[in-house]
Amino acid sequence: MSDKKVYLFARYLLIVLFGLFNLKFFYSVFTPLTIYPVYWIVSLFREASLSSNLVSLESFAVEIIPACVAGAAYYLLFILNLSTPIKIDKRIKSLVFLFLVFLAFNILRIVGFIWLFSIGYEYFDAAHNLVWHFGSTILLVLVWFVNVKLFKIKEIPVYSDFRKIFSEIKRFPKSSLSRSVAGTSSRDLKLNKFKASRRKRQELPVLERTQESYFKEFLVSLILPLERSKLWVIKPKWRIKW
């Protein structure tokens, strides 16, 4: 097995392994990376305290739950990165960029909604639901395409890998055929090609002559009875008696 095939198998194996146990890896890594920056930014403007995942302010408290951390979004970015055939150094830079940019936007989102709630924004629930259902998806798409533009990635996730696999499968019968005739000498191959071309040239005239002979026999079968009965040379003689 070549190194490229091993690398391809390892990439998709990592995608499966990191998705096990309900994305525990991503939540264990990005939960503290989300909670502590949110607490630090909020404490710059208001008195706040932190207890586990609960940020307490003067009149209310904010619980940062797993949905706020958005571990599934990090996993989706991870899938897009590993399912794209690019070099290892570019892959690492791209993955760091994707995670850091999304983490920064997610922290700003949480801080922004804490501020809206603190000022008693009338449409807080509507804005939160809108951003939750549509904003995160739009953000993921934007972050990925900025990443593609920044690192000049021309390949398409998943599709480029499968296209390469199918092209190799299509080439396999030709390569196996060439290996099967590898033991035959070049002189024998040329002789076989010459015989095949000569046979093709001879088959067509034979077929044409056969069809022509059938046509001639058909005409003879029609004309011969007439010739024997001499129907075409019979001239009626009319005799009139008064």
Protein backbone atom coordinates (compact mmCIF):
# COMPACT_ATOMS: atom_id res chain seq x y z
CA MET A 1 0.00 0.00 0.00
CA SER A 2 1.41 3.37 -1.03
CA ASP A 3 1.95 6.28 1.37
CA LYS A 4 -0.87 8.26 -0.26
CA LYS A 5 -3.36 5.48 0.38
CA VAL A 6 -2.21 5.16 4.00
CA TYR A 7 -2.55 8.92 4.44
CA LEU A 8 -6.05 8.83 2.92
CA PHE A 9 -7.12 6.00 5.21
CA ALA A 10 -5.65 7.75 8.27
CA ARG A 11 -7.53 10.99 7.53
CA TYR A 12 -10.93 9.33 7.41
CA LEU A 13 -10.11 7.12 10.38
CA LEU A 14 -9.40 10.26 12.44
CA ILE A 15 -12.73 11.73 11.34
CA VAL A 16 -14.51 8.65 12.71
CA LEU A 17 -12.49 8.46 15.94
CA PHE A 18 -12.92 12.14 16.84
CA GLY A 19 -16.67 11.83 16.32
CA LEU A 20 -17.05 9.07 18.92
CA PHE A 21 -18.41 9.46 22.47
CA ASN A 22 -20.75 12.33 21.59
CA LEU A 23 -17.93 14.66 20.48
CA LYS A 24 -16.35 14.50 23.94
CA PHE A 25 -12.95 15.62 22.66
CA PHE A 26 -14.22 18.89 21.19
CA TYR A 27 -16.33 19.77 24.23
CA SER A 28 -13.54 18.98 26.65
CA VAL A 29 -11.13 21.22 24.72
CA PHE A 30 -13.35 24.14 23.69
CA THR A 31 -15.58 24.43 26.78
CA PRO A 32 -12.85 26.03 28.97
CA LEU A 33 -11.57 27.97 25.94
CA THR A 34 -15.05 29.49 25.66
CA ILE A 35 -15.99 30.02 29.32
CA TYR A 36 -12.84 31.76 30.57
CA PRO A 37 -12.58 34.37 27.77
CA VAL A 38 -16.31 35.15 28.15
CA TYR A 39 -15.89 35.63 31.89
CA TRP A 40 -12.77 37.76 31.40
CA ILE A 41 -14.46 40.08 28.85
CA VAL A 42 -17.64 40.45 30.93
CA SER A 43 -15.63 41.20 34.09
CA LEU A 44 -14.03 44.16 32.31
CA PHE A 45 -17.38 46.00 32.29
CA ARG A 46 -19.33 44.50 35.20
CA GLU A 47 -18.67 42.74 38.46
CA ALA A 48 -18.82 39.02 37.75
CA SER A 49 -17.89 35.73 39.31
CA LEU A 50 -17.29 32.31 37.79
CA SER A 51 -18.37 28.97 39.19
CA SER A 52 -17.83 26.00 36.92
CA ASN A 53 -19.75 26.97 33.75
CA LEU A 54 -21.89 29.64 35.49
CA VAL A 55 -21.02 33.31 34.99
CA SER A 56 -22.79 35.30 37.73
CA LEU A 57 -23.40 39.03 37.38
CA GLU A 58 -25.11 41.52 39.67
CA SER A 59 -28.74 40.67 38.90
CA PHE A 60 -28.60 37.48 36.83
CA ALA A 61 -26.40 34.54 35.94
CA VAL A 62 -25.46 32.98 32.61
CA GLU A 63 -24.92 29.24 32.25
CA ILE A 64 -22.74 28.31 29.31
CA ILE A 65 -24.13 24.93 28.24
CA PRO A 66 -22.64 22.57 25.60
CA ALA A 67 -24.94 24.06 22.94
CA CYS A 68 -23.27 27.44 23.53
CA VAL A 69 -19.85 25.87 23.04
CA ALA A 70 -21.03 24.41 19.68
CA GLY A 71 -18.81 21.34 19.64
CA ALA A 72 -20.65 20.02 16.57
CA ALA A 73 -19.56 23.11 14.61
CA TYR A 74 -15.90 22.43 15.42
CA TYR A 75 -16.36 18.82 14.38
CA LEU A 76 -17.88 19.91 11.06
CA LEU A 77 -14.90 22.18 10.40
CA PHE A 78 -12.65 19.26 11.34
CA ILE A 79 -14.43 17.03 8.79
CA LEU A 80 -14.15 19.64 6.04
CA ASN A 81 -10.44 20.01 6.73
CA LEU A 82 -9.51 16.33 6.90
CA SER A 83 -11.68 15.28 3.95
CA THR A 84 -9.85 17.74 1.68
CA PRO A 85 -6.67 16.38 0.03
CA ILE A 86 -4.05 19.01 0.88
CA LYS A 87 -0.49 18.96 2.23
CA ILE A 88 0.09 18.37 5.93
CA ASP A 89 1.59 21.78 6.70
CA LYS A 90 -1.25 23.57 4.93
CA ARG A 91 -3.76 21.32 6.69
CA ILE A 92 -2.43 22.19 10.14
CA LYS A 93 -2.44 25.93 9.40
CA SER A 94 -5.95 25.70 7.96
CA LEU A 95 -7.25 23.76 10.97
CA VAL A 96 -5.77 26.24 13.46
CA PHE A 97 -7.25 29.14 11.49
CA LEU A 98 -10.71 27.55 11.35
CA PHE A 99 -10.83 26.77 15.07
CA LEU A 100 -9.47 30.13 16.23
CA VAL A 101 -11.74 32.22 14.00
CA PHE A 102 -14.87 30.29 14.96
CA LEU A 103 -13.89 30.37 18.64
CA ALA A 104 -13.43 34.14 18.51
CA PHE A 105 -16.81 34.70 16.83
CA ASN A 106 -18.53 32.35 19.25
CA ILE A 107 -17.09 34.18 22.27
CA LEU A 108 -18.21 37.53 20.86
CA ARG A 109 -21.67 36.08 20.20
CA ILE A 110 -22.08 34.96 23.82
CA VAL A 111 -20.77 38.25 25.19
CA GLY A 112 -23.09 40.17 22.86
CA PHE A 113 -26.17 38.29 24.04
CA ILE A 114 -25.17 38.77 27.69
CA TRP A 115 -25.04 42.51 27.03
CA LEU A 116 -28.44 42.47 25.24
CA PHE A 117 -30.01 40.61 28.14
CA SER A 118 -28.48 42.99 30.69
CA ILE A 119 -30.03 46.04 29.02
CA GLY A 120 -33.41 44.31 28.77
CA TYR A 121 -33.55 44.05 24.97
CA GLU A 122 -37.16 43.48 23.97
CA TYR A 123 -36.47 41.02 21.14
CA PHE A 124 -33.77 39.03 22.91
CA ASP A 125 -35.43 35.62 22.45
CA ALA A 126 -36.15 36.22 18.76
CA ALA A 127 -32.61 37.41 18.10
CA HIS A 128 -31.12 34.47 20.03
CA ASN A 129 -33.21 31.90 18.14
CA LEU A 130 -32.44 33.53 14.79
CA VAL A 131 -28.71 33.51 15.39
CA TRP A 132 -28.88 29.99 16.83
CA HIS A 133 -30.67 28.48 13.81
CA PHE A 134 -29.24 30.51 10.92
CA GLY A 135 -26.34 32.62 12.14
CA SER A 136 -24.13 29.70 13.12
CA THR A 137 -24.63 27.99 9.75
CA ILE A 138 -23.85 31.18 7.83
CA LEU A 139 -20.78 31.73 10.01
CA LEU A 140 -19.49 28.22 9.32
CA VAL A 141 -19.89 28.68 5.57
CA LEU A 142 -18.16 32.07 5.63
CA VAL A 143 -15.27 30.82 7.77
CA TRP A 144 -14.70 27.85 5.48
CA PHE A 145 -14.71 29.90 2.26
CA VAL A 146 -12.39 32.50 3.78
CA ASN A 147 -10.10 29.60 4.71
CA VAL A 148 -10.26 28.28 1.11
CA LYS A 149 -9.41 31.72 -0.27
CA LEU A 150 -6.66 32.38 2.23
CA PHE A 151 -4.82 29.07 1.82
CA LYS A 152 -5.63 28.73 -1.93
CA ILE A 153 -7.35 25.37 -1.57
CA LYS A 154 -8.59 24.10 -4.94
CA GLU A 155 -9.74 20.66 -3.87
CA ILE A 156 -13.31 19.87 -2.80
CA PRO A 157 -13.97 18.03 0.49
CA VAL A 158 -14.78 14.31 0.05
CA TYR A 159 -15.46 14.71 -3.70
CA SER A 160 -11.79 15.08 -4.68
CA ASP A 161 -10.83 11.94 -2.74
CA PHE A 162 -13.60 9.81 -4.24
CA ARG A 163 -12.94 11.10 -7.75
CA LYS A 164 -9.32 10.01 -7.42
CA ILE A 165 -10.34 6.58 -6.09
CA PHE A 166 -12.79 6.00 -8.97
CA SER A 167 -10.22 7.08 -11.55
CA GLU A 168 -7.75 4.54 -10.14
CA ILE A 169 -10.42 1.84 -10.23
CA LYS A 170 -11.12 2.59 -13.90
CA ARG A 171 -7.41 2.36 -14.73
CA PHE A 172 -6.98 -0.94 -12.91
CA PRO A 173 -8.19 -3.31 -15.70
CA LYS A 174 -5.87 -1.65 -18.22
CA SER A 175 -2.88 -1.96 -15.91
CA SER A 176 -3.67 -5.61 -15.14
CA LEU A 177 -4.02 -6.33 -18.84
CA SER A 178 -0.66 -4.75 -19.56
CA ARG A 179 0.92 -6.87 -16.82
CA SER A 180 -0.63 -10.03 -18.28
CA VAL A 181 0.95 -9.43 -21.69
CA ALA A 182 4.24 -8.22 -20.25
CA GLY A 183 5.82 -11.64 -20.81
CA THR A 184 5.01 -11.59 -24.54
CA SER A 185 7.75 -10.33 -26.80
CA SER A 186 7.28 -7.20 -28.89
CA ARG A 187 7.70 -9.23 -32.09
CA ASP A 188 4.78 -11.50 -31.15
CA LEU A 189 2.61 -8.50 -30.29
CA LYS A 190 3.30 -6.88 -33.65
CA LEU A 191 2.58 -10.16 -35.43
CA ASN A 192 -0.74 -10.56 -33.61
CA LYS A 193 -1.75 -6.99 -34.47
CA PHE A 194 -0.86 -7.59 -38.14
CA LYS A 195 -2.92 -10.77 -38.26
CA ALA A 196 -5.89 -9.08 -36.62
CA SER A 197 -5.80 -6.14 -39.05
CA ARG A 198 -5.45 -8.49 -42.05
CA ARG A 199 -8.37 -10.57 -40.83
CA LYS A 200 -10.53 -7.45 -40.57
CA ARG A 201 -9.62 -6.38 -44.10
CA GLN A 202 -10.52 -9.80 -45.48
CA GLU A 203 -13.82 -10.15 -43.68
CA LEU A 204 -15.49 -7.14 -45.30
CA PRO A 205 -14.97 -8.14 -49.01
CA VAL A 206 -16.11 -11.70 -48.26
CA LEU A 207 -19.28 -10.36 -46.74
CA GLU A 208 -19.87 -8.06 -49.71
CA ARG A 209 -19.30 -10.90 -52.23
CA THR A 210 -21.65 -13.15 -50.35
CA GLN A 211 -24.42 -10.58 -50.40
CA GLU A 212 -23.83 -9.94 -54.09
CA SER A 213 -23.95 -13.64 -54.93
CA TYR A 214 -27.20 -14.02 -53.03
CA PHE A 215 -28.69 -11.17 -55.02
CA LYS A 216 -27.55 -12.71 -58.32
CA GLU A 217 -28.98 -16.08 -57.38
CA PHE A 218 -32.27 -14.41 -56.55
CA LEU A 219 -32.41 -12.74 -59.99
CA VAL A 220 -31.51 -15.99 -61.74
CA SER A 221 -34.25 -17.81 -59.84
CA LEU A 222 -36.75 -15.32 -61.22
CA ILE A 223 -35.49 -15.16 -64.77
CA LEU A 224 -34.72 -18.85 -65.39
CA PRO A 225 -38.32 -20.10 -65.38
CA LEU A 226 -39.29 -17.34 -67.78
CA GLU A 227 -36.44 -18.23 -70.08
CA ARG A 228 -37.41 -21.89 -70.13
CA SER A 229 -41.04 -21.20 -70.87
CA LYS A 230 -40.03 -18.55 -73.46
CA LEU A 231 -42.84 -16.35 -72.31
CA TRP A 232 -41.15 -13.16 -73.43
CA VAL A 233 -40.63 -14.38 -77.05
CA ILE A 234 -44.22 -15.54 -77.57
CA LYS A 235 -45.92 -13.23 -80.03
CA PRO A 236 -49.61 -13.85 -80.52
CA LYS A 237 -50.71 -14.32 -84.17
CA TRP A 238 -54.11 -13.08 -85.04
CA ARG A 239 -55.87 -14.65 -87.94
CA ILE A 240 -59.04 -13.18 -89.20
CA LYS A 241 -61.30 -15.20 -91.48
CA TRP A 242 -64.02 -13.59 -93.58
